[in-house]
């Protein structure tokens, strides 16, 4: 069962990279600064590099959402199954939802089915819910503020010169975003494997082993190189028409938020952050430039991710319990 959990965690990490590759490459592809192939290759490499930055978020996921001593391998496997199925469902719909919240939702749902609210750490769940509101707000404000600053700084520069400049700068900002995505999201699978190892008595604490970091980093990077193209189109072209300057501002703003939260160990959604940052840079053009109909669909998916994945995780746990008689 422990081996199954590790395999499922790596599959989740792969699906996370596949589902969330749009977070790193959507703007740089939609502005035609990089070809799709070069974009996913760059993002995959930098996702791997970012995964080695910190383990603060992994520790939070591994010990801050449910009590490691109160869960079983079946709980962890069910949580991963719920997150993977939710990722695939929203990938088919082309909706940029949060893989992080899908995993946390699956974990809460399976934990509740296993042992009720005594298993769930309310303080940790509260932090996730607070971050669910905070990260989109920060992403929007960072994207908006950077666009205001850039507009004031370059308002006398010829449009053709500014476009060439920000086409080059967007290579840097896209790399920054890919690195921050790896630093934040790869840690979720690290945390879940560590949780499984602690609950199985294989390690004494929530310190993430080196081999777990390495496996999760490469699983995330490999998934990113596949590219979730339907979500790339939604994020890069469905919300607002982007130019290189907008891509640079959106990526830089979102990446700054993500690296800060990864450092303090807050499991925020990279998807929520970059999507809202794109909305912020679009709103500076004019409020009507943002396609609010598409945005509303994305918002509904955000709202339903936690309960949806929790329901799937709980159902999978019930099925596993029924089959094993435990």
C-alpha atoms as a PDB file:
ATOM      1  CA  UNK A   1       0.000   0.000   0.000  1.00  0.00           C
ATOM      2  CA  UNK A   2       2.880   2.381   0.777  1.00  0.00           C
ATOM      3  CA  UNK A   3       4.392   1.667  -2.638  1.00  0.00           C
ATOM      4  CA  UNK A   4       0.990   2.354  -4.233  1.00  0.00           C
ATOM      5  CA  UNK A   5       0.800   5.688  -2.410  1.00  0.00           C
ATOM      6  CA  UNK A   6       4.257   6.713  -3.652  1.00  0.00           C
ATOM      7  CA  UNK A   7       3.314   5.796  -7.237  1.00  0.00           C
ATOM      8  CA  UNK A   8       0.012   7.682  -6.981  1.00  0.00           C
ATOM      9  CA  UNK A   9       1.811  10.708  -5.513  1.00  0.00           C
ATOM     10  CA  UNK A  10       4.197  10.774  -8.464  1.00  0.00           C
ATOM     11  CA  UNK A  11       1.255  10.386 -10.865  1.00  0.00           C
ATOM     12  CA  UNK A  12      -0.424  13.316  -9.115  1.00  0.00           C
ATOM     13  CA  UNK A  13       2.783  15.338  -9.445  1.00  0.00           C
ATOM     14  CA  UNK A  14       2.892  14.474 -13.157  1.00  0.00           C
ATOM     15  CA  UNK A  15      -0.777  15.470 -13.572  1.00  0.00           C
ATOM     16  CA  UNK A  16      -0.068  18.649 -11.606  1.00  0.00           C
ATOM     17  CA  UNK A  17       2.724  19.602 -14.000  1.00  0.00           C
ATOM     18  CA  UNK A  18       0.589  18.657 -17.009  1.00  0.00           C
ATOM     19  CA  UNK A  19      -2.470  20.519 -15.708  1.00  0.00           C
ATOM     20  CA  UNK A  20      -0.543  23.566 -14.465  1.00  0.00           C
ATOM     21  CA  UNK A  21       2.033  23.959 -17.252  1.00  0.00           C
ATOM     22  CA  UNK A  22      -0.203  26.796 -18.460  1.00  0.00           C
ATOM     23  CA  UNK A  23       0.735  28.731 -15.318  1.00  0.00           C
ATOM     24  CA  UNK A  24       4.317  28.973 -16.544  1.00  0.00           C
ATOM     25  CA  UNK A  25       3.967  29.088 -20.334  1.00  0.00           C
ATOM     26  CA  UNK A  26       0.510  30.419 -21.295  1.00  0.00           C
ATOM     27  CA  UNK A  27       1.491  34.081 -21.537  1.00  0.00           C
ATOM     28  CA  UNK A  28       4.858  33.519 -23.231  1.00  0.00           C
ATOM     29  CA  UNK A  29       3.218  31.260 -25.850  1.00  0.00           C
ATOM     30  CA  UNK A  30       0.190  33.487 -26.457  1.00  0.00           C
ATOM     31  CA  UNK A  31       2.451  36.523 -27.041  1.00  0.00           C
ATOM     32  CA  UNK A  32       4.575  34.399 -29.430  1.00  0.00           C
ATOM     33  CA  UNK A  33       7.785  35.163 -27.556  1.00  0.00           C
ATOM     34  CA  UNK A  34       8.547  31.418 -27.463  1.00  0.00           C
ATOM     35  CA  UNK A  35       7.294  28.471 -29.479  1.00  0.00           C
ATOM     36  CA  UNK A  36       5.184  25.952 -27.509  1.00  0.00           C
ATOM     37  CA  UNK A  37       7.957  23.335 -27.675  1.00  0.00           C
ATOM     38  CA  UNK A  38      10.684  25.642 -26.379  1.00  0.00           C
ATOM     39  CA  UNK A  39       8.330  27.022 -23.721  1.00  0.00           C
ATOM     40  CA  UNK A  40       7.476  23.628 -22.212  1.00  0.00           C
ATOM     41  CA  UNK A  41      11.122  22.507 -22.307  1.00  0.00           C
ATOM     42  CA  UNK A  42      12.234  25.647 -20.469  1.00  0.00           C
ATOM     43  CA  UNK A  43       9.384  25.355 -17.969  1.00  0.00           C
ATOM     44  CA  UNK A  44      10.101  21.673 -17.314  1.00  0.00           C
ATOM     45  CA  UNK A  45      13.775  22.312 -16.505  1.00  0.00           C
ATOM     46  CA  UNK A  46      13.017  25.283 -14.242  1.00  0.00           C
ATOM     47  CA  UNK A  47      10.189  23.392 -12.504  1.00  0.00           C
ATOM     48  CA  UNK A  48      12.752  20.778 -11.496  1.00  0.00           C
ATOM     49  CA  UNK A  49      15.196  23.446 -10.297  1.00  0.00           C
ATOM     50  CA  UNK A  50      12.500  25.247  -8.284  1.00  0.00           C
ATOM     51  CA  UNK A  51      11.467  22.056  -6.498  1.00  0.00           C
ATOM     52  CA  UNK A  52      14.808  21.990  -4.669  1.00  0.00           C
ATOM     53  CA  UNK A  53      14.363  25.512  -3.258  1.00  0.00           C
ATOM     54  CA  UNK A  54      12.478  24.706  -0.033  1.00  0.00           C
ATOM     55  CA  UNK A  55      10.416  22.093   1.804  1.00  0.00           C
ATOM     56  CA  UNK A  56       8.336  24.471   3.954  1.00  0.00           C
ATOM     57  CA  UNK A  57       5.135  23.855   1.968  1.00  0.00           C
ATOM     58  CA  UNK A  58       5.794  20.087   1.952  1.00  0.00           C
ATOM     59  CA  UNK A  59       5.959  20.069   5.752  1.00  0.00           C
ATOM     60  CA  UNK A  60       2.702  22.006   5.914  1.00  0.00           C
ATOM     61  CA  UNK A  61       0.916  19.541   3.603  1.00  0.00           C
ATOM     62  CA  UNK A  62       2.511  16.530   5.306  1.00  0.00           C
ATOM     63  CA  UNK A  63       1.591  17.457   8.858  1.00  0.00           C
ATOM     64  CA  UNK A  64      -0.590  20.574   8.854  1.00  0.00           C
ATOM     65  CA  UNK A  65      -3.830  19.429   7.176  1.00  0.00           C
ATOM     66  CA  UNK A  66      -4.497  16.044   8.814  1.00  0.00           C
ATOM     67  CA  UNK A  67      -2.918  14.328  11.815  1.00  0.00           C
ATOM     68  CA  UNK A  68      -0.240  11.928  10.446  1.00  0.00           C
ATOM     69  CA  UNK A  69      -0.730   9.580  13.400  1.00  0.00           C
ATOM     70  CA  UNK A  70      -4.459   9.283  12.705  1.00  0.00           C
ATOM     71  CA  UNK A  71      -4.465   8.446   8.983  1.00  0.00           C
ATOM     72  CA  UNK A  72      -3.780   5.258   7.071  1.00  0.00           C
ATOM     73  CA  UNK A  73      -2.269   4.515   3.675  1.00  0.00           C
ATOM     74  CA  UNK A  74      -5.828   4.083   2.355  1.00  0.00           C
ATOM     75  CA  UNK A  75      -6.612   7.682   3.339  1.00  0.00           C
ATOM     76  CA  UNK A  76      -3.558   9.022   1.514  1.00  0.00           C
ATOM     77  CA  UNK A  77      -4.204   6.868  -1.571  1.00  0.00           C
ATOM     78  CA  UNK A  78      -7.834   8.015  -1.706  1.00  0.00           C
ATOM     79  CA  UNK A  79      -6.795  11.660  -1.396  1.00  0.00           C
ATOM     80  CA  UNK A  80      -4.368  11.294  -4.292  1.00  0.00           C
ATOM     81  CA  UNK A  81      -6.955   9.490  -6.396  1.00  0.00           C
ATOM     82  CA  UNK A  82      -9.454  12.281  -5.786  1.00  0.00           C
ATOM     83  CA  UNK A  83      -6.931  14.960  -6.760  1.00  0.00           C
ATOM     84  CA  UNK A  84      -5.831  13.128  -9.929  1.00  0.00           C
ATOM     85  CA  UNK A  85      -9.409  12.566 -11.100  1.00  0.00           C
ATOM     86  CA  UNK A  86     -10.321  16.200 -10.456  1.00  0.00           C
ATOM     87  CA  UNK A  87      -7.236  17.351 -12.391  1.00  0.00           C
ATOM     88  CA  UNK A  88      -8.168  15.186 -15.370  1.00  0.00           C
ATOM     89  CA  UNK A  89     -11.789  16.375 -15.267  1.00  0.00           C
ATOM     90  CA  UNK A  90     -10.869  20.087 -15.293  1.00  0.00           C
ATOM     91  CA  UNK A  91      -8.086  19.496 -17.845  1.00  0.00           C
ATOM     92  CA  UNK A  92     -10.669  18.100 -20.278  1.00  0.00           C
ATOM     93  CA  UNK A  93     -12.825  21.188 -19.662  1.00  0.00           C
ATOM     94  CA  UNK A  94      -9.832  23.497 -20.198  1.00  0.00           C
ATOM     95  CA  UNK A  95     -10.310  25.174 -16.802  1.00  0.00           C
ATOM     96  CA  UNK A  96      -7.240  26.448 -14.880  1.00  0.00           C
ATOM     97  CA  UNK A  97      -8.155  25.118 -11.437  1.00  0.00           C
ATOM     98  CA  UNK A  98      -5.879  24.512  -8.465  1.00  0.00           C
ATOM     99  CA  UNK A  99      -4.106  21.154  -8.226  1.00  0.00           C
ATOM    100  CA  UNK A 100      -3.060  22.152  -4.710  1.00  0.00           C
ATOM    101  CA  UNK A 101      -6.643  22.617  -3.571  1.00  0.00           C
ATOM    102  CA  UNK A 102      -7.649  19.391  -5.313  1.00  0.00           C
ATOM    103  CA  UNK A 103      -5.049  17.513  -3.253  1.00  0.00           C
ATOM    104  CA  UNK A 104      -6.020  19.216   0.001  1.00  0.00           C
ATOM    105  CA  UNK A 105      -9.712  18.643  -0.736  1.00  0.00           C
ATOM    106  CA  UNK A 106      -9.085  14.945  -1.422  1.00  0.00           C
ATOM    107  CA  UNK A 107      -7.092  14.664   1.808  1.00  0.00           C
ATOM    108  CA  UNK A 108      -9.818  16.315   3.890  1.00  0.00           C
ATOM    109  CA  UNK A 109     -12.581  14.227   2.286  1.00  0.00           C
ATOM    110  CA  UNK A 110     -10.792  10.910   2.797  1.00  0.00           C
ATOM    111  CA  UNK A 111      -9.725  11.935   6.324  1.00  0.00           C
ATOM    112  CA  UNK A 112     -13.279  12.824   7.291  1.00  0.00           C
ATOM    113  CA  UNK A 113     -14.583   9.515   5.962  1.00  0.00           C
ATOM    114  CA  UNK A 114     -11.885   7.682   7.925  1.00  0.00           C
ATOM    115  CA  UNK A 115     -12.096   9.335  11.336  1.00  0.00           C
ATOM    116  CA  UNK A 116     -14.310  12.418  11.272  1.00  0.00           C
ATOM    117  CA  UNK A 117     -13.246  15.938  12.184  1.00  0.00           C
ATOM    118  CA  UNK A 118     -10.818  14.644  14.826  1.00  0.00           C
ATOM    119  CA  UNK A 119      -8.433  13.721  11.978  1.00  0.00           C
ATOM    120  CA  UNK A 120      -8.524  17.137  10.292  1.00  0.00           C
ATOM    121  CA  UNK A 121      -6.422  19.998  11.667  1.00  0.00           C
ATOM    122  CA  UNK A 122      -8.797  22.934  11.574  1.00  0.00           C
ATOM    123  CA  UNK A 123      -6.024  25.528  11.903  1.00  0.00           C
ATOM    124  CA  UNK A 124      -4.246  24.151   8.838  1.00  0.00           C
ATOM    125  CA  UNK A 125      -7.474  24.016   6.834  1.00  0.00           C
ATOM    126  CA  UNK A 126      -8.227  27.591   7.872  1.00  0.00           C
ATOM    127  CA  UNK A 127      -4.816  28.691   6.543  1.00  0.00           C
ATOM    128  CA  UNK A 128      -5.602  27.065   3.197  1.00  0.00           C
ATOM    129  CA  UNK A 129      -8.994  28.792   2.990  1.00  0.00           C
ATOM    130  CA  UNK A 130      -7.443  32.148   3.887  1.00  0.00           C
ATOM    131  CA  UNK A 131      -4.769  31.653   1.223  1.00  0.00           C
ATOM    132  CA  UNK A 132      -7.532  30.747  -1.257  1.00  0.00           C
ATOM    133  CA  UNK A 133      -8.794  34.324  -0.900  1.00  0.00           C
ATOM    134  CA  UNK A 134      -5.427  36.028  -0.371  1.00  0.00           C
ATOM    135  CA  UNK A 135      -3.416  34.631  -3.308  1.00  0.00           C
ATOM    136  CA  UNK A 136      -5.836  35.745  -6.091  1.00  0.00           C
ATOM    137  CA  UNK A 137      -6.117  39.177  -4.478  1.00  0.00           C
ATOM    138  CA  UNK A 138      -2.334  39.556  -4.245  1.00  0.00           C
ATOM    139  CA  UNK A 139      -1.894  38.258  -7.794  1.00  0.00           C
ATOM    140  CA  UNK A 140      -4.440  40.749  -9.157  1.00  0.00           C
ATOM    141  CA  UNK A 141      -2.924  43.683  -7.258  1.00  0.00           C
ATOM    142  CA  UNK A 142       0.662  42.769  -8.229  1.00  0.00           C
ATOM    143  CA  UNK A 143      -0.232  42.446 -11.911  1.00  0.00           C
ATOM    144  CA  UNK A 144      -2.207  45.693 -11.851  1.00  0.00           C
ATOM    145  CA  UNK A 145       0.500  47.605  -9.944  1.00  0.00           C
ATOM    146  CA  UNK A 146       3.303  46.430 -12.220  1.00  0.00           C
ATOM    147  CA  UNK A 147       1.326  47.440 -15.315  1.00  0.00           C
ATOM    148  CA  UNK A 148       0.689  50.904 -13.829  1.00  0.00           C
ATOM    149  CA  UNK A 149       4.397  51.275 -13.020  1.00  0.00           C
ATOM    150  CA  UNK A 150       5.468  50.102 -16.493  1.00  0.00           C
ATOM    151  CA  UNK A 151       2.933  52.402 -18.198  1.00  0.00           C
ATOM    152  CA  UNK A 152       4.173  55.435 -16.271  1.00  0.00           C
ATOM    153  CA  UNK A 153       7.831  54.551 -16.907  1.00  0.00           C
ATOM    154  CA  UNK A 154       7.582  53.779 -20.632  1.00  0.00           C
ATOM    155  CA  UNK A 155       4.763  56.064 -21.785  1.00  0.00           C
ATOM    156  CA  UNK A 156       7.166  58.112 -23.976  1.00  0.00           C
ATOM    157  CA  UNK A 157       8.901  55.062 -25.489  1.00  0.00           C
ATOM    158  CA  UNK A 158       7.875  54.034 -29.004  1.00  0.00           C
ATOM    159  CA  UNK A 159       5.552  51.010 -29.042  1.00  0.00           C
ATOM    160  CA  UNK A 160       7.826  48.984 -31.354  1.00  0.00           C
ATOM    161  CA  UNK A 161      10.848  49.514 -29.083  1.00  0.00           C
ATOM    162  CA  UNK A 162       8.842  48.632 -25.948  1.00  0.00           C
ATOM    163  CA  UNK A 163       7.519  45.473 -27.603  1.00  0.00           C
ATOM    164  CA  UNK A 164      11.036  44.293 -28.502  1.00  0.00           C
ATOM    165  CA  UNK A 165      12.295  45.072 -24.992  1.00  0.00           C
ATOM    166  CA  UNK A 166       9.493  43.240 -23.202  1.00  0.00           C
ATOM    167  CA  UNK A 167       9.686  40.300 -25.590  1.00  0.00           C
ATOM    168  CA  UNK A 168      13.191  39.737 -24.229  1.00  0.00           C
ATOM    169  CA  UNK A 169      12.248  40.505 -20.650  1.00  0.00           C
ATOM    170  CA  UNK A 170       9.367  38.054 -20.871  1.00  0.00           C
ATOM    171  CA  UNK A 171      11.855  35.230 -21.339  1.00  0.00           C
ATOM    172  CA  UNK A 172      13.169  36.121 -17.876  1.00  0.00           C
ATOM    173  CA  UNK A 173       9.711  36.502 -16.312  1.00  0.00           C
ATOM    174  CA  UNK A 174       8.477  33.193 -17.820  1.00  0.00           C
ATOM    175  CA  UNK A 175      11.523  31.449 -16.368  1.00  0.00           C
ATOM    176  CA  UNK A 176      10.875  33.158 -13.016  1.00  0.00           C
ATOM    177  CA  UNK A 177       7.273  31.926 -13.101  1.00  0.00           C
ATOM    178  CA  UNK A 178       8.291  28.348 -14.012  1.00  0.00           C
ATOM    179  CA  UNK A 179      10.848  28.283 -11.193  1.00  0.00           C
ATOM    180  CA  UNK A 180       8.322  29.588  -8.646  1.00  0.00           C
ATOM    181  CA  UNK A 181       5.733  27.043  -9.833  1.00  0.00           C
ATOM    182  CA  UNK A 182       8.199  24.222  -9.166  1.00  0.00           C
ATOM    183  CA  UNK A 183       9.126  25.754  -5.806  1.00  0.00           C
ATOM    184  CA  UNK A 184       5.483  25.814  -4.719  1.00  0.00           C
ATOM    185  CA  UNK A 185       3.614  22.956  -6.394  1.00  0.00           C
ATOM    186  CA  UNK A 186       6.199  20.162  -6.414  1.00  0.00           C
ATOM    187  CA  UNK A 187       6.212  20.364  -2.624  1.00  0.00           C
ATOM    188  CA  UNK A 188       2.583  19.199  -2.399  1.00  0.00           C
ATOM    189  CA  UNK A 189       3.490  15.674  -3.564  1.00  0.00           C
ATOM    190  CA  UNK A 190       6.600  15.732  -1.370  1.00  0.00           C
ATOM    191  CA  UNK A 191       4.363  16.458   1.598  1.00  0.00           C
ATOM    192  CA  UNK A 192       1.895  13.699   0.792  1.00  0.00           C
ATOM    193  CA  UNK A 193       4.637  11.058   0.384  1.00  0.00           C
ATOM    194  CA  UNK A 194       6.199  12.218   3.649  1.00  0.00           C
ATOM    195  CA  UNK A 195       2.786  11.939   5.328  1.00  0.00           C
ATOM    196  CA  UNK A 196       2.495   8.352   4.071  1.00  0.00           C
ATOM    197  CA  UNK A 197       5.999   7.511   5.294  1.00  0.00           C
ATOM    198  CA  UNK A 198       5.269   8.945   8.760  1.00  0.00           C
ATOM    199  CA  UNK A 199       1.926   7.140   9.061  1.00  0.00           C
ATOM    200  CA  UNK A 200       3.618   3.876   8.020  1.00  0.00           C
ATOM    201  CA  UNK A 201       6.333   4.357  10.644  1.00  0.00           C
ATOM    202  CA  UNK A 202       9.108   4.521   8.034  1.00  0.00           C
ATOM    203  CA  UNK A 203      10.419   7.930   9.158  1.00  0.00           C
ATOM    204  CA  UNK A 204      10.104   9.601  12.596  1.00  0.00           C
ATOM    205  CA  UNK A 205       9.082  13.138  11.557  1.00  0.00           C
ATOM    206  CA  UNK A 206       7.799  15.301   8.685  1.00  0.00           C
ATOM    207  CA  UNK A 207      11.318  16.086   7.436  1.00  0.00           C
ATOM    208  CA  UNK A 208      11.248  15.404   3.679  1.00  0.00           C
ATOM    209  CA  UNK A 209      13.819  12.770   2.579  1.00  0.00           C
ATOM    210  CA  UNK A 210      16.170  13.709  -0.260  1.00  0.00           C
ATOM    211  CA  UNK A 211      14.962  10.918  -2.551  1.00  0.00           C
ATOM    212  CA  UNK A 212      11.376  12.192  -2.207  1.00  0.00           C
ATOM    213  CA  UNK A 213      12.437  15.700  -3.266  1.00  0.00           C
ATOM    214  CA  UNK A 214      14.283  14.332  -6.302  1.00  0.00           C
ATOM    215  CA  UNK A 215      11.469  12.038  -7.488  1.00  0.00           C
ATOM    216  CA  UNK A 216       8.808  14.727  -7.101  1.00  0.00           C
ATOM    217  CA  UNK A 217      10.928  17.353  -8.848  1.00  0.00           C
ATOM    218  CA  UNK A 218      11.399  15.200 -11.933  1.00  0.00           C
ATOM    219  CA  UNK A 219       7.773  13.984 -11.986  1.00  0.00           C
ATOM    220  CA  UNK A 220       6.596  17.611 -11.962  1.00  0.00           C
ATOM    221  CA  UNK A 221       9.078  18.620 -14.660  1.00  0.00           C
ATOM    222  CA  UNK A 222       8.096  15.698 -16.896  1.00  0.00           C
ATOM    223  CA  UNK A 223       4.398  16.530 -16.567  1.00  0.00           C
ATOM    224  CA  UNK A 224       5.061  20.155 -17.442  1.00  0.00           C
ATOM    225  CA  UNK A 225       6.828  19.198 -20.675  1.00  0.00           C
ATOM    226  CA  UNK A 226       3.637  17.454 -21.851  1.00  0.00           C
ATOM    227  CA  UNK A 227       1.715  20.738 -21.654  1.00  0.00           C
ATOM    228  CA  UNK A 228      -2.014  21.093 -20.947  1.00  0.00           C
ATOM    229  CA  UNK A 229      -2.814  22.945 -24.161  1.00  0.00           C
ATOM    230  CA  UNK A 230      -6.540  23.522 -23.599  1.00  0.00           C
ATOM    231  CA  UNK A 231      -5.748  25.345 -20.355  1.00  0.00           C
ATOM    232  CA  UNK A 232      -2.892  27.226 -22.080  1.00  0.00           C
ATOM    233  CA  UNK A 233      -5.441  28.590 -24.566  1.00  0.00           C
ATOM    234  CA  UNK A 234      -7.892  29.554 -21.818  1.00  0.00           C
ATOM    235  CA  UNK A 235      -5.295  31.296 -19.663  1.00  0.00           C
ATOM    236  CA  UNK A 236      -3.221  32.828 -22.468  1.00  0.00           C
ATOM    237  CA  UNK A 237      -6.001  33.936 -24.828  1.00  0.00           C
ATOM    238  CA  UNK A 238      -9.393  33.326 -23.201  1.00  0.00           C
ATOM    239  CA  UNK A 239      -9.224  35.919 -20.415  1.00  0.00           C
ATOM    240  CA  UNK A 240      -7.630  38.923 -22.132  1.00  0.00           C
ATOM    241  CA  UNK A 241      -5.583  39.614 -25.282  1.00  0.00           C
ATOM    242  CA  UNK A 242      -1.971  39.751 -24.140  1.00  0.00           C
ATOM    243  CA  UNK A 243       1.115  41.502 -25.479  1.00  0.00           C
ATOM    244  CA  UNK A 244       4.674  40.908 -24.229  1.00  0.00           C
ATOM    245  CA  UNK A 245       4.450  43.744 -21.701  1.00  0.00           C
ATOM    246  CA  UNK A 246       1.305  42.230 -20.190  1.00  0.00           C
ATOM    247  CA  UNK A 247       2.877  38.779 -20.066  1.00  0.00           C
ATOM    248  CA  UNK A 248       5.957  40.184 -18.329  1.00  0.00           C
ATOM    249  CA  UNK A 249       3.888  42.007 -15.695  1.00  0.00           C
ATOM    250  CA  UNK A 250       1.556  39.056 -15.042  1.00  0.00           C
ATOM    251  CA  UNK A 251       4.372  36.507 -14.710  1.00  0.00           C
ATOM    252  CA  UNK A 252       6.603  38.725 -12.581  1.00  0.00           C
ATOM    253  CA  UNK A 253       3.785  39.666 -10.210  1.00  0.00           C
ATOM    254  CA  UNK A 254       2.532  36.104  -9.779  1.00  0.00           C
ATOM    255  CA  UNK A 255       6.026  34.639  -9.374  1.00  0.00           C
ATOM    256  CA  UNK A 256       6.897  37.163  -6.651  1.00  0.00           C
ATOM    257  CA  UNK A 257       3.796  36.159  -4.674  1.00  0.00           C
ATOM    258  CA  UNK A 258       4.498  32.435  -5.138  1.00  0.00           C
ATOM    259  CA  UNK A 259       8.136  32.568  -4.056  1.00  0.00           C
ATOM    260  CA  UNK A 260       7.216  34.552  -0.948  1.00  0.00           C
ATOM    261  CA  UNK A 261       4.492  32.074   0.065  1.00  0.00           C
ATOM    262  CA  UNK A 262       6.715  29.062  -0.705  1.00  0.00           C
ATOM    263  CA  UNK A 263       9.360  30.508   1.607  1.00  0.00           C
ATOM    264  CA  UNK A 264       6.937  30.853   4.536  1.00  0.00           C
ATOM    265  CA  UNK A 265       5.285  27.477   3.874  1.00  0.00           C
ATOM    266  CA  UNK A 266       1.814  28.640   2.808  1.00  0.00           C
ATOM    267  CA  UNK A 267       0.255  26.216   0.271  1.00  0.00           C
ATOM    268  CA  UNK A 268      -1.301  28.754  -2.112  1.00  0.00           C
ATOM    269  CA  UNK A 269      -2.607  28.031  -5.583  1.00  0.00           C
ATOM    270  CA  UNK A 270      -0.233  28.905  -8.431  1.00  0.00           C
ATOM    271  CA  UNK A 271      -3.219  28.735 -10.776  1.00  0.00           C
ATOM    272  CA  UNK A 272      -5.285  31.241  -8.804  1.00  0.00           C
ATOM    273  CA  UNK A 273      -2.304  33.577  -8.517  1.00  0.00           C
ATOM    274  CA  UNK A 274      -1.288  33.687 -12.183  1.00  0.00           C
ATOM    275  CA  UNK A 275      -4.882  33.759 -13.451  1.00  0.00           C
ATOM    276  CA  UNK A 276      -5.786  36.717 -11.248  1.00  0.00           C
ATOM    277  CA  UNK A 277      -2.521  38.437 -12.208  1.00  0.00           C
ATOM    278  CA  UNK A 278      -3.526  38.117 -15.882  1.00  0.00           C
ATOM    279  CA  UNK A 279      -6.885  39.673 -14.964  1.00  0.00           C
ATOM    280  CA  UNK A 280      -5.042  42.513 -13.213  1.00  0.00           C
ATOM    281  CA  UNK A 281      -2.883  43.399 -16.209  1.00  0.00           C
ATOM    282  CA  UNK A 282      -5.933  43.152 -18.468  1.00  0.00           C
ATOM    283  CA  UNK A 283      -7.977  45.484 -16.285  1.00  0.00           C
ATOM    284  CA  UNK A 284      -5.372  48.259 -16.681  1.00  0.00           C
ATOM    285  CA  UNK A 285      -6.175  48.410 -20.410  1.00  0.00           C
ATOM    286  CA  UNK A 286      -9.867  48.850 -19.667  1.00  0.00           C
ATOM    287  CA  UNK A 287     -12.269  46.951 -17.472  1.00  0.00           C
ATOM    288  CA  UNK A 288     -14.141  45.546 -20.463  1.00  0.00           C
ATOM    289  CA  UNK A 289     -10.890  44.112 -21.910  1.00  0.00           C
ATOM    290  CA  UNK A 290     -11.224  41.169 -19.514  1.00  0.00           C
ATOM    291  CA  UNK A 291     -13.562  38.476 -20.804  1.00  0.00           C
ATOM    292  CA  UNK A 292     -15.633  38.201 -17.651  1.00  0.00           C
ATOM    293  CA  UNK A 293     -17.765  35.343 -18.999  1.00  0.00           C
ATOM    294  CA  UNK A 294     -14.688  33.088 -19.185  1.00  0.00           C
ATOM    295  CA  UNK A 295     -13.560  34.444 -15.828  1.00  0.00           C
ATOM    296  CA  UNK A 296     -16.881  33.474 -14.240  1.00  0.00           C
ATOM    297  CA  UNK A 297     -16.466  29.847 -15.430  1.00  0.00           C
ATOM    298  CA  UNK A 298     -12.985  29.780 -13.908  1.00  0.00           C
ATOM    299  CA  UNK A 299     -14.287  31.237 -10.628  1.00  0.00           C
ATOM    300  CA  UNK A 300     -16.994  28.565 -10.363  1.00  0.00           C
ATOM    301  CA  UNK A 301     -14.338  25.879 -10.900  1.00  0.00           C
ATOM    302  CA  UNK A 302     -12.213  27.438  -8.142  1.00  0.00           C
ATOM    303  CA  UNK A 303     -15.138  27.375  -5.717  1.00  0.00           C
ATOM    304  CA  UNK A 304     -16.027  23.748  -6.444  1.00  0.00           C
ATOM    305  CA  UNK A 305     -12.458  22.348  -6.434  1.00  0.00           C
ATOM    306  CA  UNK A 306     -12.131  21.759  -2.669  1.00  0.00           C
ATOM    307  CA  UNK A 307     -15.589  20.207  -2.131  1.00  0.00           C
ATOM    308  CA  UNK A 308     -15.478  18.350  -5.468  1.00  0.00           C
ATOM    309  CA  UNK A 309     -12.125  16.708  -4.794  1.00  0.00           C
ATOM    310  CA  UNK A 310     -13.174  16.055  -1.187  1.00  0.00           C
ATOM    311  CA  UNK A 311     -16.272  14.195  -2.389  1.00  0.00           C
ATOM    312  CA  UNK A 312     -14.212  12.075  -4.804  1.00  0.00           C
ATOM    313  CA  UNK A 313     -11.604  11.350  -2.105  1.00  0.00           C
ATOM    314  CA  UNK A 314     -14.306  10.329   0.367  1.00  0.00           C
ATOM    315  CA  UNK A 315     -15.970   8.078  -2.222  1.00  0.00           C
ATOM    316  CA  UNK A 316     -12.678   6.394  -3.095  1.00  0.00           C
ATOM    317  CA  UNK A 317     -11.958   5.786   0.591  1.00  0.00           C
ATOM    318  CA  UNK A 318     -15.411   4.218   1.041  1.00  0.00           C
ATOM    319  CA  UNK A 319     -14.789   1.938  -1.974  1.00  0.00           C
ATOM    320  CA  UNK A 320     -11.321   0.907  -0.733  1.00  0.00           C
ATOM    321  CA  UNK A 321     -12.703   0.226   2.757  1.00  0.00           C
ATOM    322  CA  UNK A 322     -15.553  -1.842   1.317  1.00  0.00           C
ATOM    323  CA  UNK A 323     -13.156  -3.910  -0.815  1.00  0.00           C
ATOM    324  CA  UNK A 324     -10.581  -4.501   1.922  1.00  0.00           C
ATOM    325  CA  UNK A 325     -13.063  -4.883   4.773  1.00  0.00           C
ATOM    326  CA  UNK A 326     -11.205  -2.310   6.879  1.00  0.00           C
END
